[in-house]
């Protein structure tokens, strides 16, 4: 398997190996994957909590009258165009 990494990630892996805690890059990657597997549920909970915060902020804005009325597909298309710019 071949994996492409950014220079920053390569540098971080090299630093882990240079610290003496790992013998090679493969060990660093394996430990990172084990960490992800072990903490997957926690990571999902954090993501869901963040999404809930964003939804609450949006709902609060709507309650304050800060929403945008979408009355047609053209209005929605314009909104998406503005967001992507």
N, C-alpha and C. Protein backbone atom coordinates (compact mmCIF):
# COMPACT_ATOMS: atom_id res chain seq x y z
N UNK A 1 0.85 -1.17 0.00
CA UNK A 1 0.00 0.00 0.00
C UNK A 1 0.90 1.23 0.00
N UNK A 2 0.50 2.22 -0.76
CA UNK A 2 1.23 3.48 -0.82
C UNK A 2 0.32 4.58 -0.30
N UNK A 3 0.86 5.41 0.59
CA UNK A 3 0.08 6.50 1.17
C UNK A 3 0.82 7.80 0.93
N UNK A 4 0.12 8.80 0.42
CA UNK A 4 0.72 10.12 0.23
C UNK A 4 0.40 11.00 1.42
N UNK A 5 1.41 11.67 1.95
CA UNK A 5 1.24 12.55 3.10
C UNK A 5 1.73 13.94 2.75
N UNK A 6 1.15 14.92 3.40
CA UNK A 6 1.64 16.29 3.24
C UNK A 6 3.00 16.39 3.93
N UNK A 7 3.81 17.37 3.57
CA UNK A 7 5.09 17.55 4.26
C UNK A 7 4.92 17.73 5.77
N UNK A 8 3.85 18.42 6.18
CA UNK A 8 3.61 18.61 7.62
C UNK A 8 3.39 17.27 8.32
N UNK A 9 2.57 16.40 7.72
CA UNK A 9 2.32 15.10 8.34
C UNK A 9 3.59 14.25 8.36
N UNK A 10 4.35 14.29 7.29
CA UNK A 10 5.62 13.56 7.26
C UNK A 10 6.53 14.03 8.38
N UNK A 11 6.58 15.34 8.57
CA UNK A 11 7.42 15.92 9.62
C UNK A 11 6.95 15.47 11.00
N UNK A 12 5.64 15.43 11.20
CA UNK A 12 5.10 15.00 12.50
C UNK A 12 5.42 13.54 12.77
N UNK A 13 5.32 12.71 11.75
CA UNK A 13 5.64 11.29 11.92
C UNK A 13 7.13 11.13 12.22
N UNK A 14 7.96 11.85 11.47
CA UNK A 14 9.41 11.78 11.70
C UNK A 14 9.75 12.21 13.12
N UNK A 15 9.08 13.25 13.62
CA UNK A 15 9.32 13.72 14.99
C UNK A 15 8.96 12.64 16.00
N UNK A 16 7.88 11.90 15.75
CA UNK A 16 7.49 10.81 16.66
C UNK A 16 8.56 9.72 16.67
N UNK A 17 9.07 9.38 15.50
CA UNK A 17 10.13 8.36 15.41
C UNK A 17 11.40 8.89 16.09
N UNK A 18 11.75 10.14 15.81
CA UNK A 18 12.96 10.73 16.40
C UNK A 18 12.88 10.83 17.92
N UNK A 19 11.66 10.89 18.46
CA UNK A 19 11.51 10.98 19.92
C UNK A 19 11.90 9.68 20.61
N UNK A 20 11.99 8.61 19.83
CA UNK A 20 12.35 7.33 20.41
C UNK A 20 11.17 6.50 20.87
N UNK A 21 9.97 7.06 20.82
CA UNK A 21 8.80 6.32 21.26
C UNK A 21 8.36 5.28 20.23
N UNK A 22 8.79 5.47 18.98
CA UNK A 22 8.43 4.55 17.90
C UNK A 22 9.69 4.22 17.10
N UNK A 23 9.75 2.98 16.59
CA UNK A 23 10.92 2.56 15.82
C UNK A 23 10.86 3.01 14.37
N UNK A 24 9.65 3.19 13.85
CA UNK A 24 9.53 3.56 12.44
C UNK A 24 8.16 4.21 12.19
N UNK A 25 7.99 4.72 10.98
CA UNK A 25 6.76 5.41 10.61
C UNK A 25 5.55 4.48 10.69
N UNK A 26 5.73 3.21 10.33
CA UNK A 26 4.63 2.26 10.39
C UNK A 26 4.04 2.14 11.78
N UNK A 27 4.90 2.15 12.79
CA UNK A 27 4.42 2.08 14.17
C UNK A 27 3.59 3.31 14.53
N UNK A 28 4.03 4.46 14.08
CA UNK A 28 3.29 5.70 14.35
C UNK A 28 1.90 5.62 13.73
N UNK A 29 1.83 5.19 12.48
CA UNK A 29 0.55 5.09 11.78
C UNK A 29 -0.34 4.05 12.45
N UNK A 30 0.22 2.89 12.81
CA UNK A 30 -0.59 1.86 13.48
C UNK A 30 -1.15 2.36 14.80
N UNK A 31 -0.33 3.09 15.58
CA UNK A 31 -0.83 3.61 16.85
C UNK A 31 -1.94 4.64 16.61
N UNK A 32 -1.77 5.49 15.60
CA UNK A 32 -2.80 6.48 15.29
C UNK A 32 -4.11 5.80 14.90
N UNK A 33 -4.02 4.73 14.11
CA UNK A 33 -5.24 4.00 13.71
C UNK A 33 -5.88 3.30 14.90
N UNK A 34 -5.07 2.73 15.79
CA UNK A 34 -5.63 2.11 17.00
C UNK A 34 -6.33 3.16 17.85
N UNK A 35 -5.73 4.35 17.96
CA UNK A 35 -6.35 5.44 18.72
C UNK A 35 -7.69 5.81 18.12
N UNK A 36 -7.73 5.93 16.79
CA UNK A 36 -8.98 6.26 16.12
C UNK A 36 -10.04 5.20 16.39
N UNK A 37 -9.66 3.93 16.30
CA UNK A 37 -10.62 2.85 16.54
C UNK A 37 -11.13 2.89 17.98
N UNK A 38 -10.23 3.10 18.91
CA UNK A 38 -10.59 3.11 20.32
C UNK A 38 -11.50 4.28 20.68
N UNK A 39 -11.27 5.41 20.03
CA UNK A 39 -11.98 6.63 20.39
C UNK A 39 -13.05 7.03 19.37
N UNK A 40 -13.40 6.13 18.49
CA UNK A 40 -14.35 6.44 17.42
C UNK A 40 -15.69 6.94 17.95
N UNK A 41 -16.23 6.28 18.97
CA UNK A 41 -17.52 6.71 19.53
C UNK A 41 -17.42 8.10 20.14
N UNK A 42 -16.32 8.36 20.86
CA UNK A 42 -16.11 9.67 21.47
C UNK A 42 -15.99 10.74 20.39
N UNK A 43 -15.25 10.46 19.33
CA UNK A 43 -15.08 11.42 18.23
C UNK A 43 -16.45 11.73 17.61
N UNK A 44 -17.27 10.70 17.41
CA UNK A 44 -18.61 10.91 16.86
C UNK A 44 -19.45 11.79 17.78
N UNK A 45 -19.37 11.55 19.08
CA UNK A 45 -20.12 12.36 20.05
C UNK A 45 -19.69 13.82 19.98
N UNK A 46 -18.38 14.06 19.84
CA UNK A 46 -17.87 15.44 19.74
C UNK A 46 -18.42 16.10 18.48
N UNK A 47 -18.41 15.37 17.36
CA UNK A 47 -18.91 15.92 16.11
C UNK A 47 -20.40 16.22 16.19
N UNK A 48 -21.17 15.32 16.80
CA UNK A 48 -22.61 15.53 16.94
C UNK A 48 -22.88 16.72 17.86
N UNK A 49 -22.11 16.84 18.94
CA UNK A 49 -22.28 17.97 19.85
C UNK A 49 -22.00 19.29 19.13
N UNK A 50 -20.96 19.31 18.30
CA UNK A 50 -20.63 20.53 17.53
C UNK A 50 -21.75 20.85 16.55
N UNK A 51 -22.28 19.85 15.89
CA UNK A 51 -23.39 20.06 14.96
C UNK A 51 -24.60 20.62 15.69
N UNK A 52 -24.89 20.09 16.88
CA UNK A 52 -26.02 20.60 17.67
C UNK A 52 -25.81 22.07 18.04
N UNK A 53 -24.57 22.43 18.39
CA UNK A 53 -24.27 23.83 18.71
C UNK A 53 -24.55 24.72 17.50
N UNK A 54 -24.11 24.26 16.32
CA UNK A 54 -24.33 25.05 15.10
C UNK A 54 -25.81 25.16 14.77
N UNK A 55 -26.55 24.08 14.95
CA UNK A 55 -28.00 24.11 14.70
C UNK A 55 -28.70 25.05 15.67
N UNK A 56 -28.28 25.02 16.93
CA UNK A 56 -28.87 25.92 17.93
C UNK A 56 -28.58 27.37 17.57
N UNK A 57 -27.36 27.65 17.15
CA UNK A 57 -27.01 29.03 16.76
C UNK A 57 -27.89 29.47 15.59
N UNK A 58 -28.10 28.58 14.63
CA UNK A 58 -28.97 28.90 13.49
C UNK A 58 -30.41 29.12 13.92
N UNK A 59 -30.90 28.28 14.80
CA UNK A 59 -32.27 28.43 15.29
C UNK A 59 -32.42 29.73 16.07
N UNK A 60 -31.42 30.08 16.87
CA UNK A 60 -31.46 31.34 17.61
C UNK A 60 -31.49 32.53 16.65
N UNK A 61 -30.72 32.45 15.57
CA UNK A 61 -30.73 33.53 14.57
C UNK A 61 -32.11 33.65 13.93
N UNK A 62 -32.72 32.51 13.63
CA UNK A 62 -34.07 32.54 13.06
C UNK A 62 -35.06 33.16 14.03
N UNK A 63 -34.93 32.80 15.31
CA UNK A 63 -35.83 33.36 16.33
C UNK A 63 -35.69 34.88 16.44
N UNK A 64 -34.50 35.39 16.11
CA UNK A 64 -34.26 36.84 16.17
C UNK A 64 -34.59 37.53 14.85
N UNK A 65 -35.16 36.78 13.92
CA UNK A 65 -35.54 37.36 12.64
C UNK A 65 -34.39 37.56 11.68
N UNK A 66 -33.29 36.84 11.90
CA UNK A 66 -32.11 36.99 11.06
C UNK A 66 -32.06 35.97 9.92
N UNK A 67 -33.16 35.29 9.67
CA UNK A 67 -33.20 34.28 8.62
C UNK A 67 -33.42 34.90 7.25
N UNK A 68 -33.27 34.07 6.24
CA UNK A 68 -33.51 34.49 4.86
C UNK A 68 -34.67 33.66 4.32
N UNK A 69 -35.68 34.34 3.80
CA UNK A 69 -36.84 33.63 3.24
C UNK A 69 -36.46 33.06 1.88
N UNK A 70 -36.70 31.78 1.70
CA UNK A 70 -36.45 31.11 0.43
C UNK A 70 -37.82 30.82 -0.19
N UNK A 71 -38.15 31.61 -1.19
CA UNK A 71 -39.47 31.50 -1.78
C UNK A 71 -39.48 30.84 -3.14
N UNK A 72 -38.27 30.60 -3.69
CA UNK A 72 -38.22 29.97 -5.01
C UNK A 72 -36.87 29.29 -5.18
N UNK A 73 -36.78 28.43 -6.18
CA UNK A 73 -35.52 27.77 -6.49
C UNK A 73 -34.46 28.80 -6.88
N UNK A 74 -34.87 29.85 -7.57
CA UNK A 74 -33.93 30.90 -7.98
C UNK A 74 -33.31 31.57 -6.76
N UNK A 75 -34.12 31.82 -5.74
CA UNK A 75 -33.61 32.43 -4.51
C UNK A 75 -32.61 31.50 -3.84
N UNK A 76 -32.92 30.22 -3.80
CA UNK A 76 -32.02 29.23 -3.22
C UNK A 76 -30.72 29.15 -4.02
N UNK A 77 -30.82 29.14 -5.34
CA UNK A 77 -29.63 29.10 -6.19
C UNK A 77 -28.74 30.32 -5.94
N UNK A 78 -29.35 31.49 -5.80
CA UNK A 78 -28.59 32.71 -5.53
C UNK A 78 -27.89 32.62 -4.18
N UNK A 79 -28.60 32.09 -3.18
CA UNK A 79 -28.00 31.92 -1.86
C UNK A 79 -26.78 31.02 -1.93
N UNK A 80 -26.90 29.87 -2.60
CA UNK A 80 -25.78 28.94 -2.73
C UNK A 80 -24.62 29.57 -3.51
N UNK A 81 -24.94 30.35 -4.53
CA UNK A 81 -23.89 31.05 -5.29
C UNK A 81 -23.13 32.02 -4.39
N UNK A 82 -23.89 32.74 -3.55
CA UNK A 82 -23.25 33.68 -2.62
C UNK A 82 -22.36 32.96 -1.60
N UNK A 83 -22.81 31.81 -1.15
CA UNK A 83 -22.04 31.04 -0.16
C UNK A 83 -20.75 30.54 -0.78
N UNK A 84 -20.80 30.07 -2.01
CA UNK A 84 -19.60 29.49 -2.64
C UNK A 84 -18.58 30.55 -3.04
N UNK A 85 -19.00 31.80 -3.11
CA UNK A 85 -18.04 32.87 -3.45
C UNK A 85 -17.29 33.30 -2.27
